[in-house]
Each structure stands twice: as structure tokens, then as C-alpha cells.
């Protein structure tokens, strides 16, 4: 299965020997360039561990060596401490 726009991948040596140090990569698009069977060109952004883009890159990798990156689930949000119980969305007090 081909990566899709927005996918975050972990790219390691299994995808290409150039990635002896693994990177996180957010896909912009799969390029339709001629290549060898099982290999693809990807256009996207290298990410830091916070998920921020650090470099735009075009990489040549083996499709089978790519791994979907799953970040930990975000912590649940707490209700805002500025909200007041007993008030409606319009700001009027309940009767």
C-alpha cells in the first residue's frame, strides 16, 4: 500500500541505507517518477520528535521498509477552569 498525503512515517535503514539514523517523515505526496520495482519517491517534511517540520525533502525509499509512525495518544483535556457552572452559552444565568 502506498503512503498517502499527511501520513507520518518512520524511515529507517530498512527503507534505504542512507537512513542509518531513523527519521520521521510527513508525506506531502508520492511522486510519479520512474523507478525500480518496490521503490518510490516521496516528497515531504522531515520532523523532529515534537512533530515540527525541520526540512523539506524528497527521498527515494523501498516501500516495504516504511513504517507508519504512531505517536502516543494525547492526554485528555480538562474542562477550562474559567468556565462557570450554571451559565448557558449565552452567558445568562439559569433560572
N, C-alpha and C. Protein backbone atom coordinates (compact mmCIF):
# COMPACT_ATOMS: atom_id res chain seq x y z
N UNK A 1 0.84 -1.19 0.00
CA UNK A 1 0.00 0.00 0.00
C UNK A 1 0.89 1.25 0.00
N UNK A 2 0.56 2.20 -0.83
CA UNK A 2 1.34 3.44 -0.92
C UNK A 2 1.00 4.39 0.22
N UNK A 3 1.98 5.14 0.71
CA UNK A 3 1.68 6.17 1.70
C UNK A 3 0.76 7.22 1.08
N UNK A 4 0.05 7.93 1.93
CA UNK A 4 -0.85 8.99 1.47
C UNK A 4 -0.45 10.32 2.06
N UNK A 5 -0.91 11.37 1.46
CA UNK A 5 -0.64 12.72 1.95
C UNK A 5 -1.05 12.83 3.41
N UNK A 6 -0.15 13.35 4.25
CA UNK A 6 -0.42 13.51 5.67
C UNK A 6 0.09 12.37 6.53
N UNK A 7 0.39 11.21 5.93
CA UNK A 7 0.93 10.10 6.70
C UNK A 7 2.26 10.49 7.33
N UNK A 8 2.50 10.05 8.56
CA UNK A 8 3.79 10.23 9.21
C UNK A 8 4.45 8.85 9.27
N UNK A 9 5.63 8.78 8.69
CA UNK A 9 6.35 7.51 8.57
C UNK A 9 7.64 7.55 9.37
N UNK A 10 8.01 6.39 9.86
CA UNK A 10 9.35 6.23 10.43
C UNK A 10 10.19 5.61 9.31
N UNK A 11 11.22 6.33 8.90
CA UNK A 11 12.07 5.89 7.80
C UNK A 11 13.41 5.44 8.40
N UNK A 12 13.72 4.16 8.20
CA UNK A 12 14.92 3.58 8.78
C UNK A 12 15.77 2.95 7.68
N UNK A 13 16.83 2.31 8.10
CA UNK A 13 17.73 1.61 7.19
C UNK A 13 16.99 0.55 6.37
N UNK A 14 15.87 0.02 6.88
CA UNK A 14 15.07 -0.97 6.15
C UNK A 14 14.50 -0.36 4.86
N UNK A 15 14.31 0.96 4.84
CA UNK A 15 13.79 1.64 3.65
C UNK A 15 14.91 2.03 2.69
N UNK A 16 16.08 2.36 3.22
CA UNK A 16 17.23 2.73 2.40
C UNK A 16 18.46 2.86 3.31
N UNK A 17 19.62 2.46 2.79
CA UNK A 17 20.84 2.51 3.59
C UNK A 17 21.21 3.93 4.02
N UNK A 18 20.69 4.94 3.33
CA UNK A 18 21.01 6.32 3.71
C UNK A 18 20.41 6.71 5.06
N UNK A 19 19.46 5.91 5.57
CA UNK A 19 18.80 6.24 6.83
C UNK A 19 19.31 5.36 7.97
N UNK A 20 20.63 5.37 8.16
CA UNK A 20 21.21 4.62 9.29
C UNK A 20 20.74 5.25 10.60
N UNK A 21 20.47 6.55 10.58
CA UNK A 21 19.81 7.24 11.69
C UNK A 21 18.36 7.44 11.27
N UNK A 22 17.41 6.80 11.95
CA UNK A 22 16.00 6.91 11.55
C UNK A 22 15.49 8.35 11.60
N UNK A 23 14.53 8.64 10.74
CA UNK A 23 13.87 9.95 10.73
C UNK A 23 12.36 9.74 10.73
N UNK A 24 11.66 10.79 11.16
CA UNK A 24 10.21 10.85 10.99
C UNK A 24 9.96 11.72 9.77
N UNK A 25 8.99 11.31 8.95
CA UNK A 25 8.75 11.96 7.67
C UNK A 25 7.25 12.09 7.43
N UNK A 26 6.78 13.35 7.21
CA UNK A 26 5.37 13.58 6.87
C UNK A 26 5.25 13.70 5.36
N UNK A 27 4.44 12.84 4.78
CA UNK A 27 4.30 12.77 3.33
C UNK A 27 3.44 13.92 2.81
N UNK A 28 3.96 14.60 1.78
CA UNK A 28 3.16 15.56 1.03
C UNK A 28 2.51 14.82 -0.13
N UNK A 29 3.34 14.06 -0.85
CA UNK A 29 2.82 13.30 -1.99
C UNK A 29 3.82 12.23 -2.40
N UNK A 30 3.30 11.23 -3.09
CA UNK A 30 4.13 10.21 -3.71
C UNK A 30 4.37 10.70 -5.13
N UNK A 31 5.64 10.83 -5.50
CA UNK A 31 5.97 11.34 -6.83
C UNK A 31 5.85 10.23 -7.87
N UNK A 32 5.38 10.60 -9.03
CA UNK A 32 5.18 9.65 -10.12
C UNK A 32 6.41 9.66 -11.04
N UNK A 33 7.56 9.37 -10.45
CA UNK A 33 8.81 9.34 -11.21
C UNK A 33 9.16 7.88 -11.50
N UNK A 34 9.77 7.61 -12.65
CA UNK A 34 10.17 6.22 -12.95
C UNK A 34 11.18 5.72 -11.91
N UNK A 35 11.04 4.46 -11.55
CA UNK A 35 11.91 3.89 -10.53
C UNK A 35 11.95 2.37 -10.66
N UNK A 36 12.68 1.73 -9.79
CA UNK A 36 12.76 0.28 -9.75
C UNK A 36 11.53 -0.28 -9.03
N UNK A 37 11.21 -1.54 -9.32
CA UNK A 37 10.08 -2.20 -8.68
C UNK A 37 10.28 -2.22 -7.16
N UNK A 38 9.27 -1.77 -6.43
CA UNK A 38 9.32 -1.77 -4.96
C UNK A 38 9.89 -0.49 -4.36
N UNK A 39 10.38 0.41 -5.19
CA UNK A 39 10.95 1.67 -4.72
C UNK A 39 10.02 2.82 -5.10
N UNK A 40 10.00 3.88 -4.27
CA UNK A 40 9.17 5.05 -4.55
C UNK A 40 9.92 6.33 -4.15
N UNK A 41 9.53 7.41 -4.79
CA UNK A 41 10.00 8.75 -4.42
C UNK A 41 8.90 9.40 -3.60
N UNK A 42 9.28 9.98 -2.45
CA UNK A 42 8.34 10.69 -1.60
C UNK A 42 8.78 12.13 -1.42
N UNK A 43 7.82 13.02 -1.48
CA UNK A 43 8.05 14.44 -1.22
C UNK A 43 7.40 14.73 0.13
N UNK A 44 8.11 15.42 1.02
CA UNK A 44 7.53 15.70 2.33
C UNK A 44 8.46 16.45 3.24
N UNK A 45 8.20 16.35 4.52
CA UNK A 45 8.95 17.06 5.54
C UNK A 45 9.56 16.11 6.55
N UNK A 46 10.82 16.32 6.87
CA UNK A 46 11.44 15.63 7.99
C UNK A 46 10.94 16.32 9.26
N UNK A 47 10.59 15.52 10.26
CA UNK A 47 10.03 16.06 11.51
C UNK A 47 10.97 15.81 12.67
N UNK A 48 10.92 16.72 13.67
CA UNK A 48 11.63 16.44 14.92
C UNK A 48 10.71 15.65 15.82
N UNK A 49 11.15 15.28 17.01
CA UNK A 49 10.34 14.43 17.89
C UNK A 49 9.09 15.13 18.41
N UNK A 50 9.04 16.44 18.29
CA UNK A 50 7.83 17.18 18.68
C UNK A 50 6.81 17.22 17.56
N UNK A 51 7.21 16.73 16.39
CA UNK A 51 6.30 16.73 15.24
C UNK A 51 6.39 17.98 14.38
N UNK A 52 7.38 18.84 14.66
CA UNK A 52 7.56 20.06 13.87
C UNK A 52 8.43 19.77 12.65
N UNK A 53 8.05 20.34 11.52
CA UNK A 53 8.83 20.16 10.29
C UNK A 53 10.16 20.89 10.43
N UNK A 54 11.26 20.19 10.09
CA UNK A 54 12.58 20.82 10.15
C UNK A 54 13.18 21.02 8.77
N UNK A 55 12.88 20.13 7.82
CA UNK A 55 13.42 20.23 6.46
C UNK A 55 12.43 19.65 5.48
N UNK A 56 12.31 20.30 4.32
CA UNK A 56 11.55 19.68 3.23
C UNK A 56 12.52 18.80 2.46
N UNK A 57 12.08 17.57 2.15
CA UNK A 57 12.96 16.61 1.48
C UNK A 57 12.20 15.80 0.45
N UNK A 58 12.94 15.30 -0.51
CA UNK A 58 12.47 14.30 -1.45
C UNK A 58 13.36 13.09 -1.23
N UNK A 59 12.72 11.95 -0.89
CA UNK A 59 13.50 10.76 -0.56
C UNK A 59 13.13 9.59 -1.47
N UNK A 60 14.10 8.72 -1.70
CA UNK A 60 13.95 7.53 -2.54
C UNK A 60 14.07 6.32 -1.63
N UNK A 61 12.98 5.57 -1.47
CA UNK A 61 12.94 4.51 -0.46
C UNK A 61 12.24 3.26 -0.98
N UNK A 62 12.52 2.15 -0.30
CA UNK A 62 11.79 0.92 -0.57
C UNK A 62 10.46 0.97 0.19
N UNK A 63 9.39 0.78 -0.53
CA UNK A 63 8.05 0.86 0.05
C UNK A 63 7.90 -0.10 1.23
N UNK A 64 8.42 -1.31 1.12
CA UNK A 64 8.26 -2.32 2.18
C UNK A 64 9.03 -1.97 3.45
N UNK A 65 10.00 -1.07 3.37
CA UNK A 65 10.78 -0.71 4.55
C UNK A 65 10.19 0.42 5.36
N UNK A 66 9.10 1.02 4.89
CA UNK A 66 8.48 2.14 5.59
C UNK A 66 7.56 1.64 6.69
N UNK A 67 7.53 2.37 7.81
CA UNK A 67 6.66 2.02 8.93
C UNK A 67 5.82 3.23 9.30
N UNK A 68 4.53 2.99 9.49
CA UNK A 68 3.63 4.05 9.94
C UNK A 68 4.03 4.44 11.36
N UNK A 69 4.15 5.74 11.62
CA UNK A 69 4.51 6.19 12.96
C UNK A 69 3.25 6.45 13.75
N UNK A 70 3.19 5.90 14.94
CA UNK A 70 2.05 6.12 15.82
C UNK A 70 2.55 6.82 17.06
N UNK A 71 2.11 8.05 17.23
CA UNK A 71 2.51 8.79 18.42
C UNK A 71 1.59 8.42 19.58
N UNK A 72 2.04 8.62 20.81
CA UNK A 72 1.18 8.32 21.94
C UNK A 72 -0.08 9.18 21.90
N UNK A 73 -1.17 8.65 22.41
CA UNK A 73 -2.43 9.41 22.44
C UNK A 73 -2.26 10.64 23.31
N UNK A 74 -2.82 11.77 22.88
CA UNK A 74 -2.70 12.98 23.70
C UNK A 74 -3.48 12.82 25.00
N UNK A 75 -3.01 13.51 26.03
CA UNK A 75 -3.69 13.47 27.32
C UNK A 75 -5.07 14.11 27.18
N UNK A 76 -6.08 13.60 27.89
CA UNK A 76 -7.41 14.19 27.79
C UNK A 76 -7.39 15.61 28.32
N UNK A 77 -8.17 16.46 27.71
CA UNK A 77 -8.24 17.86 28.14
C UNK A 77 -9.14 17.99 29.36
N UNK A 78 -8.76 18.89 30.22
CA UNK A 78 -9.57 19.17 31.41
C UNK A 78 -10.50 20.32 31.08
N UNK A 79 -11.66 20.35 31.73
CA UNK A 79 -12.55 21.50 31.49
C UNK A 79 -11.84 22.78 31.89
N UNK A 80 -12.12 23.82 31.16
CA UNK A 80 -11.49 25.11 31.43
C UNK A 80 -11.82 25.57 32.84
N UNK A 81 -10.82 26.04 33.54
CA UNK A 81 -11.05 26.49 34.91
C UNK A 81 -11.75 27.84 34.94
N UNK A 82 -11.86 28.49 33.77
CA UNK A 82 -12.55 29.77 33.72
C UNK A 82 -14.03 29.60 33.46
N UNK A 83 -14.47 28.39 33.10
CA UNK A 83 -15.90 28.20 32.85
C UNK A 83 -16.64 28.17 34.19
N UNK A 84 -17.84 28.69 34.17
CA UNK A 84 -18.63 28.73 35.39
C UNK A 84 -19.85 27.82 35.24
N UNK A 85 -20.01 26.88 36.16
CA UNK A 85 -21.22 26.07 36.10
C UNK A 85 -22.45 26.93 36.35
N UNK A 86 -23.56 26.54 35.75
CA UNK A 86 -24.80 27.28 35.97
C UNK A 86 -25.02 28.38 34.95
N UNK A 87 -24.14 28.52 33.99
CA UNK A 87 -24.31 29.54 32.95
C UNK A 87 -24.57 28.86 31.63
N UNK A 88 -25.41 29.47 30.83
CA UNK A 88 -25.68 28.98 29.50
C UNK A 88 -24.65 29.55 28.55
N UNK A 89 -24.64 29.05 27.34
CA UNK A 89 -23.69 29.52 26.33
C UNK A 89 -23.87 31.00 26.04
N UNK A 90 -25.09 31.56 26.29
CA UNK A 90 -25.32 32.97 26.03
C UNK A 90 -24.81 33.84 27.16
N UNK A 91 -24.39 33.22 28.25
CA UNK A 91 -23.86 33.99 29.37
C UNK A 91 -24.92 34.34 30.40
N UNK A 92 -26.19 33.94 30.15
CA UNK A 92 -27.26 34.23 31.10
C UNK A 92 -27.28 33.15 32.17
N UNK A 93 -27.60 33.53 33.37
CA UNK A 93 -27.70 32.57 34.46
C UNK A 93 -28.97 31.73 34.28
N UNK A 94 -28.88 30.47 34.72
CA UNK A 94 -30.07 29.60 34.68
C UNK A 94 -31.09 30.06 35.69
N UNK A 95 -32.36 29.86 35.37
CA UNK A 95 -33.44 30.24 36.28
C UNK A 95 -34.01 29.00 36.89
